[in-house]
PDB file of N, CA and C in Angstrom:
ATOM      1  N   UNK A   1      10.749 -52.157  52.166  1.00  0.00           N
ATOM      2  CA  UNK A   1      10.747 -52.175  50.733  1.00  0.00           C
ATOM      3  C   UNK A   1      11.674 -51.078  50.214  1.00  0.00           C
ATOM      4  N   UNK A   2      12.484 -51.460  49.241  1.00  0.00           N
ATOM      5  CA  UNK A   2      13.382 -50.461  48.671  1.00  0.00           C
ATOM      6  C   UNK A   2      12.604 -49.507  47.755  1.00  0.00           C
ATOM      7  N   UNK A   3      13.014 -48.241  47.823  1.00  0.00           N
ATOM      8  CA  UNK A   3      12.372 -47.241  46.970  1.00  0.00           C
ATOM      9  C   UNK A   3      13.017 -47.275  45.586  1.00  0.00           C
ATOM     10  N   UNK A   4      12.190 -47.138  44.582  1.00  0.00           N
ATOM     11  CA  UNK A   4      12.724 -47.103  43.210  1.00  0.00           C
ATOM     12  C   UNK A   4      13.144 -45.664  42.896  1.00  0.00           C
ATOM     13  N   UNK A   5      14.237 -45.515  42.231  1.00  0.00           N
ATOM     14  CA  UNK A   5      14.677 -44.151  41.914  1.00  0.00           C
ATOM     15  C   UNK A   5      13.719 -43.499  40.900  1.00  0.00           C
ATOM     16  N   UNK A   6      13.613 -42.183  40.977  1.00  0.00           N
ATOM     17  CA  UNK A   6      12.714 -41.505  40.018  1.00  0.00           C
ATOM     18  C   UNK A   6      13.259 -41.632  38.592  1.00  0.00           C
ATOM     19  N   UNK A   7      12.367 -41.600  37.614  1.00  0.00           N
ATOM     20  CA  UNK A   7      12.851 -41.725  36.228  1.00  0.00           C
ATOM     21  C   UNK A   7      13.701 -40.502  35.857  1.00  0.00           C
ATOM     22  N   UNK A   8      14.640 -40.681  34.951  1.00  0.00           N
ATOM     23  CA  UNK A   8      15.497 -39.550  34.567  1.00  0.00           C
ATOM     24  C   UNK A   8      14.660 -38.469  33.851  1.00  0.00           C
ATOM     25  N   UNK A   9      15.075 -37.221  34.005  1.00  0.00           N
ATOM     26  CA  UNK A   9      14.299 -36.160  33.350  1.00  0.00           C
ATOM     27  C   UNK A   9      14.378 -36.285  31.826  1.00  0.00           C
ATOM     28  N   UNK A  10      13.279 -35.936  31.187  1.00  0.00           N
ATOM     29  CA  UNK A  10      13.262 -36.023  29.725  1.00  0.00           C
ATOM     30  C   UNK A  10      13.955 -34.787  29.149  1.00  0.00           C
ATOM     31  N   UNK A  11      14.724 -34.951  28.089  1.00  0.00           N
ATOM     32  CA  UNK A  11      15.414 -33.800  27.502  1.00  0.00           C
ATOM     33  C   UNK A  11      14.401 -32.867  26.830  1.00  0.00           C
ATOM     34  N   UNK A  12      14.726 -31.590  26.778  1.00  0.00           N
ATOM     35  CA  UNK A  12      13.799 -30.662  26.124  1.00  0.00           C
ATOM     36  C   UNK A  12      13.672 -31.000  24.634  1.00  0.00           C
ATOM     37  N   UNK A  13      12.526 -30.726  24.037  1.00  0.00           N
ATOM     38  CA  UNK A  13      12.370 -31.052  22.613  1.00  0.00           C
ATOM     39  C   UNK A  13      13.285 -30.176  21.750  1.00  0.00           C
ATOM     40  N   UNK A  14      13.818 -30.780  20.725  1.00  0.00           N
ATOM     41  CA  UNK A  14      14.696 -30.020  19.828  1.00  0.00           C
ATOM     42  C   UNK A  14      13.839 -29.176  18.887  1.00  0.00           C
ATOM     43  N   UNK A  15      14.261 -27.952  18.623  1.00  0.00           N
ATOM     44  CA  UNK A  15      13.455 -27.108  17.727  1.00  0.00           C
ATOM     45  C   UNK A  15      13.493 -27.638  16.303  1.00  0.00           C
ATOM     46  N   UNK A  16      12.380 -27.451  15.612  1.00  0.00           N
ATOM     47  CA  UNK A  16      12.312 -27.892  14.223  1.00  0.00           C
ATOM     48  C   UNK A  16      13.125 -26.929  13.360  1.00  0.00           C
ATOM     49  N   UNK A  17      13.802 -27.453  12.354  1.00  0.00           N
ATOM     50  CA  UNK A  17      14.561 -26.549  11.484  1.00  0.00           C
ATOM     51  C   UNK A  17      13.609 -25.652  10.689  1.00  0.00           C
ATOM     52  N   UNK A  18      14.032 -24.411  10.499  1.00  0.00           N
ATOM     53  CA  UNK A  18      13.208 -23.477   9.747  1.00  0.00           C
ATOM     54  C   UNK A  18      13.257 -23.799   8.270  1.00  0.00           C
ATOM     55  N   UNK A  19      12.129 -23.600   7.624  1.00  0.00           N
ATOM     56  CA  UNK A  19      12.088 -23.807   6.184  1.00  0.00           C
ATOM     57  C   UNK A  19      12.631 -22.557   5.506  1.00  0.00           C
ATOM     58  N   UNK A  20      13.465 -22.755   4.527  1.00  0.00           N
ATOM     59  CA  UNK A  20      14.006 -21.621   3.786  1.00  0.00           C
ATOM     60  C   UNK A  20      12.972 -21.182   2.760  1.00  0.00           C
ATOM     61  N   UNK A  21      12.731 -19.901   2.738  1.00  0.00           N
ATOM     62  CA  UNK A  21      11.791 -19.375   1.756  1.00  0.00           C
ATOM     63  C   UNK A  21      12.563 -18.955   0.521  1.00  0.00           C
ATOM     64  N   UNK A  22      11.960 -19.182  -0.607  1.00  0.00           N
ATOM     65  CA  UNK A  22      12.599 -18.793  -1.853  1.00  0.00           C
ATOM     66  C   UNK A  22      12.291 -17.338  -2.116  1.00  0.00           C
ATOM     67  N   UNK A  23      13.332 -16.585  -2.358  1.00  0.00           N
ATOM     68  CA  UNK A  23      13.161 -15.174  -2.670  1.00  0.00           C
ATOM     69  C   UNK A  23      13.358 -14.989  -4.161  1.00  0.00           C
ATOM     70  N   UNK A  24      12.279 -14.732  -4.824  1.00  0.00           N
ATOM     71  CA  UNK A  24      12.364 -14.507  -6.257  1.00  0.00           C
ATOM     72  C   UNK A  24      12.471 -13.032  -6.558  1.00  0.00           C
ATOM     73  N   UNK A  25      12.472 -12.732  -7.822  1.00  0.00           N
ATOM     74  CA  UNK A  25      12.503 -11.338  -8.229  1.00  0.00           C
ATOM     75  C   UNK A  25      11.149 -10.710  -7.938  1.00  0.00           C
ATOM     76  N   UNK A  26      11.168  -9.437  -7.668  1.00  0.00           N
ATOM     77  CA  UNK A  26       9.923  -8.716  -7.438  1.00  0.00           C
ATOM     78  C   UNK A  26       9.220  -8.583  -8.778  1.00  0.00           C
ATOM     79  N   UNK A  27       8.009  -9.048  -8.815  1.00  0.00           N
ATOM     80  CA  UNK A  27       7.264  -9.015 -10.055  1.00  0.00           C
ATOM     81  C   UNK A  27       6.482  -7.720 -10.185  1.00  0.00           C
ATOM     82  N   UNK A  28       6.404  -7.183 -11.404  1.00  0.00           N
ATOM     83  CA  UNK A  28       5.583  -5.994 -11.607  1.00  0.00           C
ATOM     84  C   UNK A  28       4.129  -6.314 -11.340  1.00  0.00           C
ATOM     85  N   UNK A  29       3.306  -5.418 -10.978  1.00  0.00           N
ATOM     86  CA  UNK A  29       3.562  -4.005 -10.811  1.00  0.00           C
ATOM     87  C   UNK A  29       4.223  -3.730  -9.469  1.00  0.00           C
ATOM     88  N   UNK A  30       5.189  -2.824  -9.481  1.00  0.00           N
ATOM     89  CA  UNK A  30       5.889  -2.471  -8.257  1.00  0.00           C
ATOM     90  C   UNK A  30       5.012  -1.588  -7.385  1.00  0.00           C
ATOM     91  N   UNK A  31       4.193  -0.776  -8.032  1.00  0.00           N
ATOM     92  CA  UNK A  31       3.270   0.105  -7.319  1.00  0.00           C
ATOM     93  C   UNK A  31       1.864  -0.341  -7.706  1.00  0.00           C
ATOM     94  N   UNK A  32       1.048  -0.626  -6.715  1.00  0.00           N
ATOM     95  CA  UNK A  32      -0.290  -1.112  -7.020  1.00  0.00           C
ATOM     96  C   UNK A  32      -1.211   0.034  -7.408  1.00  0.00           C
ATOM     97  N   UNK A  33      -2.247  -0.305  -8.123  1.00  0.00           N
ATOM     98  CA  UNK A  33      -3.200   0.708  -8.582  1.00  0.00           C
ATOM     99  C   UNK A  33      -3.926   1.378  -7.416  1.00  0.00           C
ATOM    100  N   UNK A  34      -4.352   0.620  -6.388  1.00  0.00           N
ATOM    101  CA  UNK A  34      -5.004   1.288  -5.263  1.00  0.00           C
ATOM    102  C   UNK A  34      -4.099   2.275  -4.536  1.00  0.00           C
ATOM    103  N   UNK A  35      -2.806   1.958  -4.418  1.00  0.00           N
ATOM    104  CA  UNK A  35      -1.911   2.908  -3.746  1.00  0.00           C
ATOM    105  C   UNK A  35      -1.730   4.166  -4.588  1.00  0.00           C
ATOM    106  N   UNK A  36      -1.682   4.016  -5.908  1.00  0.00           N
ATOM    107  CA  UNK A  36      -1.599   5.193  -6.768  1.00  0.00           C
ATOM    108  C   UNK A  36      -2.864   6.036  -6.679  1.00  0.00           C
ATOM    109  N   UNK A  37      -4.014   5.380  -6.623  1.00  0.00           N
ATOM    110  CA  UNK A  37      -5.277   6.108  -6.487  1.00  0.00           C
ATOM    111  C   UNK A  37      -5.277   6.925  -5.190  1.00  0.00           C
ATOM    112  N   UNK A  38      -4.768   6.322  -4.126  1.00  0.00           N
ATOM    113  CA  UNK A  38      -4.722   7.024  -2.839  1.00  0.00           C
ATOM    114  C   UNK A  38      -3.797   8.242  -2.907  1.00  0.00           C
ATOM    115  N   UNK A  39      -2.641   8.075  -3.549  1.00  0.00           N
ATOM    116  CA  UNK A  39      -1.714   9.199  -3.692  1.00  0.00           C
ATOM    117  C   UNK A  39      -2.344  10.308  -4.523  1.00  0.00           C
ATOM    118  N   UNK A  40      -3.023   9.933  -5.585  1.00  0.00           N
ATOM    119  CA  UNK A  40      -3.672  10.918  -6.451  1.00  0.00           C
ATOM    120  C   UNK A  40      -4.755  11.665  -5.682  1.00  0.00           C
ATOM    121  N   UNK A  41      -5.550  10.944  -4.919  1.00  0.00           N
ATOM    122  CA  UNK A  41      -6.617  11.587  -4.134  1.00  0.00           C
ATOM    123  C   UNK A  41      -6.033  12.538  -3.093  1.00  0.00           C
ATOM    124  N   UNK A  42      -4.943  12.117  -2.427  1.00  0.00           N
ATOM    125  CA  UNK A  42      -4.334  12.961  -1.399  1.00  0.00           C
ATOM    126  C   UNK A  42      -3.715  14.221  -1.991  1.00  0.00           C
ATOM    127  N   UNK A  43      -3.330  14.142  -3.267  1.00  0.00           N
ATOM    128  CA  UNK A  43      -2.740  15.324  -3.900  1.00  0.00           C
ATOM    129  C   UNK A  43      -3.796  16.342  -4.296  1.00  0.00           C
ATOM    130  N   UNK A  44      -5.061  15.992  -4.183  1.00  0.00           N
ATOM    131  CA  UNK A  44      -6.125  16.953  -4.436  1.00  0.00           C
ATOM    132  C   UNK A  44      -6.839  16.768  -5.759  1.00  0.00           C
ATOM    133  N   UNK A  45      -6.456  15.782  -6.534  1.00  0.00           N
ATOM    134  CA  UNK A  45      -7.116  15.543  -7.821  1.00  0.00           C
ATOM    135  C   UNK A  45      -8.415  14.792  -7.563  1.00  0.00           C
ATOM    136  N   UNK A  46      -9.493  15.306  -8.100  1.00  0.00           N
ATOM    137  CA  UNK A  46     -10.800  14.691  -7.846  1.00  0.00           C
ATOM    138  C   UNK A  46     -11.142  13.604  -8.853  1.00  0.00           C
ATOM    139  N   UNK A  47     -10.875  13.864 -10.118  1.00  0.00           N
ATOM    140  CA  UNK A  47     -11.222  12.903 -11.164  1.00  0.00           C
ATOM    141  C   UNK A  47      -9.993  12.607 -12.009  1.00  0.00           C
ATOM    142  N   UNK A  48      -9.871  11.356 -12.408  1.00  0.00           N
ATOM    143  CA  UNK A  48      -8.752  10.964 -13.255  1.00  0.00           C
ATOM    144  C   UNK A  48      -9.179   9.758 -14.072  1.00  0.00           C
ATOM    145  N   UNK A  49      -8.562   9.623 -15.225  1.00  0.00           N
ATOM    146  CA  UNK A  49      -8.898   8.545 -16.136  1.00  0.00           C
ATOM    147  C   UNK A  49      -8.087   7.303 -15.787  1.00  0.00           C
ATOM    148  N   UNK A  50      -8.645   6.133 -16.086  1.00  0.00           N
ATOM    149  CA  UNK A  50      -7.967   4.874 -15.775  1.00  0.00           C
ATOM    150  C   UNK A  50      -6.644   4.759 -16.528  1.00  0.00           C
ATOM    151  N   UNK A  51      -6.623   5.243 -17.772  1.00  0.00           N
ATOM    152  CA  UNK A  51      -5.391   5.158 -18.558  1.00  0.00           C
ATOM    153  C   UNK A  51      -4.288   6.033 -17.972  1.00  0.00           C
ATOM    154  N   UNK A  52      -4.665   7.121 -17.327  1.00  0.00           N
ATOM    155  CA  UNK A  52      -3.642   7.979 -16.722  1.00  0.00           C
ATOM    156  C   UNK A  52      -2.956   7.257 -15.565  1.00  0.00           C
ATOM    157  N   UNK A  53      -3.689   6.431 -14.838  1.00  0.00           N
ATOM    158  CA  UNK A  53      -3.080   5.653 -13.750  1.00  0.00           C
ATOM    159  C   UNK A  53      -2.103   4.636 -14.317  1.00  0.00           C
ATOM    160  N   UNK A  54      -2.481   3.978 -15.406  1.00  0.00           N
ATOM    161  CA  UNK A  54      -1.594   2.990 -16.021  1.00  0.00           C
ATOM    162  C   UNK A  54      -0.322   3.652 -16.540  1.00  0.00           C
ATOM    163  N   UNK A  55      -0.453   4.815 -17.178  1.00  0.00           N
ATOM    164  CA  UNK A  55       0.735   5.512 -17.677  1.00  0.00           C
ATOM    165  C   UNK A  55       1.622   5.969 -16.529  1.00  0.00           C
ATOM    166  N   UNK A  56       1.007   6.450 -15.455  1.00  0.00           N
ATOM    167  CA  UNK A  56       1.778   6.871 -14.281  1.00  0.00           C
ATOM    168  C   UNK A  56       2.507   5.677 -13.671  1.00  0.00           C
ATOM    169  N   UNK A  57       1.842   4.537 -13.607  1.00  0.00           N
ATOM    170  CA  UNK A  57       2.458   3.329 -13.061  1.00  0.00           C
ATOM    171  C   UNK A  57       3.666   2.908 -13.901  1.00  0.00           C
ATOM    172  N   UNK A  58       3.512   2.931 -15.223  1.00  0.00           N
ATOM    173  CA  UNK A  58       4.632   2.576 -16.102  1.00  0.00           C
ATOM    174  C   UNK A  58       5.787   3.552 -15.944  1.00  0.00           C
ATOM    175  N   UNK A  59       5.478   4.833 -15.865  1.00  0.00           N
ATOM    176  CA  UNK A  59       6.519   5.844 -15.700  1.00  0.00           C
ATOM    177  C   UNK A  59       7.268   5.634 -14.380  1.00  0.00           C
ATOM    178  N   UNK A  60       6.534   5.375 -13.301  1.00  0.00           N
ATOM    179  CA  UNK A  60       7.174   5.170 -12.002  1.00  0.00           C
ATOM    180  C   UNK A  60       8.070   3.933 -11.998  1.00  0.00           C
ATOM    181  N   UNK A  61       7.648   2.873 -12.693  1.00  0.00           N
ATOM    182  CA  UNK A  61       8.461   1.664 -12.752  1.00  0.00           C
ATOM    183  C   UNK A  61       9.773   1.931 -13.491  1.00  0.00           C
ATOM    184  N   UNK A  62       9.694   2.619 -14.622  1.00  0.00           N
ATOM    185  CA  UNK A  62      10.907   2.920 -15.391  1.00  0.00           C
ATOM    186  C   UNK A  62      11.819   3.847 -14.580  1.00  0.00           C
ATOM    187  N   UNK A  63      11.231   4.873 -13.972  1.00  0.00           N
ATOM    188  CA  UNK A  63      12.009   5.824 -13.183  1.00  0.00           C
ATOM    189  C   UNK A  63      12.693   5.128 -12.008  1.00  0.00           C
ATOM    190  N   UNK A  64      11.958   4.257 -11.313  1.00  0.00           N
ATOM    191  CA  UNK A  64      12.514   3.542 -10.161  1.00  0.00           C
ATOM    192  C   UNK A  64      13.669   2.650 -10.585  1.00  0.00           C
ATOM    193  N   UNK A  65      13.515   1.952 -11.705  1.00  0.00           N
ATOM    194  CA  UNK A  65      14.601   1.091 -12.182  1.00  0.00           C
ATOM    195  C   UNK A  65      15.850   1.907 -12.494  1.00  0.00           C
ATOM    196  N   UNK A  66      15.670   3.066 -13.138  1.00  0.00           N
ATOM    197  CA  UNK A  66      16.820   3.898 -13.475  1.00  0.00           C
ATOM    198  C   UNK A  66      17.527   4.403 -12.212  1.00  0.00           C
ATOM    199  N   UNK A  67      16.754   4.812 -11.227  1.00  0.00           N
ATOM    200  CA  UNK A  67      17.348   5.301  -9.981  1.00  0.00           C
ATOM    201  C   UNK A  67      18.096   4.181  -9.266  1.00  0.00           C
ATOM    202  N   UNK A  68      17.501   3.003  -9.231  1.00  0.00           N
ATOM    203  CA  UNK A  68      18.140   1.877  -8.547  1.00  0.00           C
ATOM    204  C   UNK A  68      19.437   1.493  -9.247  1.00  0.00           C
ATOM    205  N   UNK A  69      19.427   1.439 -10.577  1.00  0.00           N
ATOM    206  CA  UNK A  69      20.650   1.092 -11.307  1.00  0.00           C
ATOM    207  C   UNK A  69      21.749   2.120 -11.066  1.00  0.00           C
ATOM    208  N   UNK A  70      21.390   3.408 -11.070  1.00  0.00           N
ATOM    209  CA  UNK A  70      22.389   4.447 -10.816  1.00  0.00           C
ATOM    210  C   UNK A  70      22.906   4.363  -9.379  1.00  0.00           C
ATOM    211  N   UNK A  71      22.023   4.036  -8.440  1.00  0.00           N
ATOM    212  CA  UNK A  71      22.425   3.913  -7.039  1.00  0.00           C
ATOM    213  C   UNK A  71      23.351   2.725  -6.828  1.00  0.00           C
ATOM    214  N   UNK A  72      23.023   1.602  -7.443  1.00  0.00           N
ATOM    215  CA  UNK A  72      23.874   0.409  -7.319  1.00  0.00           C
ATOM    216  C   UNK A  72      25.237   0.675  -7.941  1.00  0.00           C
ATOM    217  N   UNK A  73      25.249   1.379  -9.063  1.00  0.00           N
ATOM    218  CA  UNK A  73      26.526   1.723  -9.699  1.00  0.00           C
ATOM    219  C   UNK A  73      27.365   2.594  -8.775  1.00  0.00           C
ATOM    220  N   UNK A  74      26.727   3.555  -8.125  1.00  0.00           N
ATOM    221  CA  UNK A  74      27.437   4.432  -7.188  1.00  0.00           C
ATOM    222  C   UNK A  74      27.997   3.632  -6.011  1.00  0.00           C
ATOM    223  N   UNK A  75      27.229   2.653  -5.545  1.00  0.00           N
ATOM    224  CA  UNK A  75      27.681   1.823  -4.423  1.00  0.00           C
ATOM    225  C   UNK A  75      28.868   0.957  -4.836  1.00  0.00           C
ATOM    226  N   UNK A  76      28.809   0.396  -6.033  1.00  0.00           N
ATOM    227  CA  UNK A  76      29.907  -0.456  -6.496  1.00  0.00           C
ATOM    228  C   UNK A  76      31.186   0.345  -6.731  1.00  0.00           C
ATOM    229  N   UNK A  77      31.033   1.596  -7.156  1.00  0.00           N
ATOM    230  CA  UNK A  77      32.210   2.439  -7.354  1.00  0.00           C
ATOM    231  C   UNK A  77      32.951   2.668  -6.046  1.00  0.00           C
ATOM    232  N   UNK A  78      32.217   2.713  -4.961  1.00  0.00           N
ATOM    233  CA  UNK A  78      32.834   2.917  -3.647  1.00  0.00           C
ATOM    234  C   UNK A  78      33.235   1.595  -2.996  1.00  0.00           C
ATOM    235  N   UNK A  79      33.059   0.505  -3.735  1.00  0.00           N
ATOM    236  CA  UNK A  79      33.441  -0.844  -3.293  1.00  0.00           C
ATOM    237  C   UNK A  79      32.765  -1.219  -1.979  1.00  0.00           C
ATOM    238  N   UNK A  80      31.462  -0.995  -1.949  1.00  0.00           N
ATOM    239  CA  UNK A  80      30.673  -1.375  -0.780  1.00  0.00           C
ATOM    240  C   UNK A  80      29.503  -2.232  -1.232  1.00  0.00           C
ATOM    241  N   UNK A  81      28.890  -2.917  -0.277  1.00  0.00           N
ATOM    242  CA  UNK A  81      27.737  -3.746  -0.587  1.00  0.00           C
ATOM    243  C   UNK A  81      26.443  -3.175  -0.028  1.00  0.00           C
ATOM    244  N   UNK A  82      26.561  -2.263   0.914  1.00  0.00           N
ATOM    245  CA  UNK A  82      25.382  -1.665   1.531  1.00  0.00           C
ATOM    246  C   UNK A  82      25.099  -0.313   0.901  1.00  0.00           C
ATOM    247  N   UNK A  83      23.864  -0.130   0.465  1.00  0.00           N
ATOM    248  CA  UNK A  83      23.469   1.136  -0.138  1.00  0.00           C
ATOM    249  C   UNK A  83      23.118   2.113   0.973  1.00  0.00           C
ATOM    250  N   UNK A  84      23.695   3.302   0.896  1.00  0.00           N
ATOM    251  CA  UNK A  84      23.423   4.333   1.886  1.00  0.00           C
ATOM    252  C   UNK A  84      22.611   5.456   1.245  1.00  0.00           C
ATOM    253  N   UNK A  85      22.177   6.396   2.077  1.00  0.00           N
ATOM    254  CA  UNK A  85      21.424   7.543   1.576  1.00  0.00           C
ATOM    255  C   UNK A  85      22.295   8.367   0.631  1.00  0.00           C
ATOM    256  N   UNK A  86      23.575   8.454   0.944  1.00  0.00           N
ATOM    257  CA  UNK A  86      24.505   9.202   0.100  1.00  0.00           C
ATOM    258  C   UNK A  86      24.591   8.591  -1.305  1.00  0.00           C
ATOM    259  N   UNK A  87      24.584   7.245  -1.378  1.00  0.00           N
ATOM    260  CA  UNK A  87      24.603   6.576  -2.674  1.00  0.00           C
ATOM    261  C   UNK A  87      23.335   6.892  -3.474  1.00  0.00           C
ATOM    262  N   UNK A  88      22.224   6.933  -2.775  1.00  0.00           N
ATOM    263  CA  UNK A  88      20.963   7.255  -3.444  1.00  0.00           C
ATOM    264  C   UNK A  88      20.996   8.674  -3.997  1.00  0.00           C
ATOM    265  N   UNK A  89      21.489   9.608  -3.207  1.00  0.00           N
ATOM    266  CA  UNK A  89      21.586  10.990  -3.669  1.00  0.00           C
ATOM    267  C   UNK A  89      22.560  11.113  -4.836  1.00  0.00           C
ATOM    268  N   UNK A  90      23.670  10.374  -4.798  1.00  0.00           N
ATOM    269  CA  UNK A  90      24.616  10.383  -5.915  1.00  0.00           C
ATOM    270  C   UNK A  90      23.984   9.788  -7.166  1.00  0.00           C
ATOM    271  N   UNK A  91      23.179   8.742  -6.991  1.00  0.00           N
ATOM    272  CA  UNK A  91      22.480   8.149  -8.130  1.00  0.00           C
ATOM    273  C   UNK A  91      21.500   9.123  -8.750  1.00  0.00           C
ATOM    274  N   UNK A  92      20.794   9.891  -7.912  1.00  0.00           N
ATOM    275  CA  UNK A  92      19.868  10.897  -8.426  1.00  0.00           C
ATOM    276  C   UNK A  92      20.618  12.016  -9.138  1.00  0.00           C
ATOM    277  N   UNK A  93      21.778  12.375  -8.617  1.00  0.00           N
ATOM    278  CA  UNK A  93      22.567  13.421  -9.271  1.00  0.00           C
ATOM    279  C   UNK A  93      23.072  12.953 -10.629  1.00  0.00           C
ATOM    280  N   UNK A  94      23.439  11.667 -10.718  1.00  0.00           N
ATOM    281  CA  UNK A  94      23.898  11.135 -11.996  1.00  0.00           C
ATOM    282  C   UNK A  94      22.781  11.167 -13.032  1.00  0.00           C
ATOM    283  N   UNK A  95      21.561  11.042 -12.574  1.00  0.00           N
ATOM    284  CA  UNK A  95      20.422  11.126 -13.488  1.00  0.00           C
ATOM    285  C   UNK A  95      20.008  12.573 -13.723  1.00  0.00           C
ATOM    286  N   UNK A  96      20.801  13.495 -13.203  1.00  0.00           N
ATOM    287  CA  UNK A  96      20.568  14.929 -13.335  1.00  0.00           C
ATOM    288  C   UNK A  96      19.233  15.349 -12.747  1.00  0.00           C
ATOM    289  N   UNK A  97      18.901  14.780 -11.630  1.00  0.00           N
ATOM    290  CA  UNK A  97      17.700  15.166 -10.898  1.00  0.00           C
ATOM    291  C   UNK A  97      18.138  15.980  -9.697  1.00  0.00           C
ATOM    292  N   UNK A  98      18.661  17.136  -9.968  1.00  0.00           N
ATOM    293  CA  UNK A  98      19.240  17.949  -8.905  1.00  0.00           C
ATOM    294  C   UNK A  98      18.195  18.403  -7.902  1.00  0.00           C
ATOM    295  N   UNK A  99      16.994  18.685  -8.358  1.00  0.00           N
ATOM    296  CA  UNK A  99      15.981  19.158  -7.421  1.00  0.00           C
ATOM    297  C   UNK A  99      15.607  18.063  -6.437  1.00  0.00           C
ATOM    298  N   UNK A 100      15.507  16.819  -6.927  1.00  0.00           N
ATOM    299  CA  UNK A 100      15.172  15.724  -6.024  1.00  0.00           C
ATOM    300  C   UNK A 100      16.338  15.412  -5.106  1.00  0.00           C
ATOM    301  N   UNK A 101      17.564  15.572  -5.568  1.00  0.00           N
ATOM    302  CA  UNK A 101      18.732  15.249  -4.760  1.00  0.00           C
ATOM    303  C   UNK A 101      18.987  16.296  -3.690  1.00  0.00           C
ATOM    304  N   UNK A 102      18.490  17.510  -3.892  1.00  0.00           N
ATOM    305  CA  UNK A 102      18.716  18.567  -2.910  1.00  0.00           C
ATOM    306  C   UNK A 102      17.673  18.583  -1.807  1.00  0.00           C
ATOM    307  N   UNK A 103      16.699  17.704  -1.892  1.00  0.00           N
ATOM    308  CA  UNK A 103      15.670  17.678  -0.862  1.00  0.00           C
ATOM    309  C   UNK A 103      16.239  17.150   0.440  1.00  0.00           C
ATOM    310  N   UNK A 104      15.784  17.718   1.534  1.00  0.00           N
ATOM    311  CA  UNK A 104      16.201  17.220   2.844  1.00  0.00           C
ATOM    312  C   UNK A 104      15.266  16.092   3.254  1.00  0.00           C
ATOM    313  N   UNK A 105      15.717  15.181   4.116  1.00  0.00           N
ATOM    314  CA  UNK A 105      14.843  14.092   4.543  1.00  0.00           C
ATOM    315  C   UNK A 105      13.618  14.624   5.275  1.00  0.00           C
ATOM    316  N   UNK A 106      12.547  13.870   5.199  1.00  0.00           N
ATOM    317  CA  UNK A 106      11.315  14.269   5.873  1.00  0.00           C
ATOM    318  C   UNK A 106      11.521  14.233   7.374  1.00  0.00           C
ATOM    319  N   UNK A 107      10.889  15.151   8.097  1.00  0.00           N
ATOM    320  CA  UNK A 107      11.051  15.149   9.564  1.00  0.00           C
ATOM    321  C   UNK A 107      10.407  13.915  10.183  1.00  0.00           C
ATOM    322  N   UNK A 108      11.053  13.382  11.198  1.00  0.00           N
ATOM    323  CA  UNK A 108      10.528  12.198  11.881  1.00  0.00           C
ATOM    324  C   UNK A 108       9.458  12.627  12.862  1.00  0.00           C
ATOM    325  N   UNK A 109       8.362  11.912  12.829  1.00  0.00           N
ATOM    326  CA  UNK A 109       7.234  12.254  13.710  1.00  0.00           C
ATOM    327  C   UNK A 109       7.235  11.345  14.918  1.00  0.00           C
TER     328      UNK A 109
END
């Protein structure tokens, strides 16, 4: 009796295409209330009013937007697309935050 040849090997399955996720704008609040509470507690403050957290959150959002806009402007002036630490420091200097711009990076642990 003649032997039948083995069936041909099956090809590996093709991977499914990845779904593209939509990246929208970051919606406020940029800083959550629990994270602010944790920062406040770590700074040593025992009691604080709820309205003070809301005002701090609003202030941080405005401050962050101003820093980011100044940093992006600094990056565009240098005709680059990647923001570097130097651009961030230049953005802080443009906002006349010399004390924050003179800080050294935190030590790596």
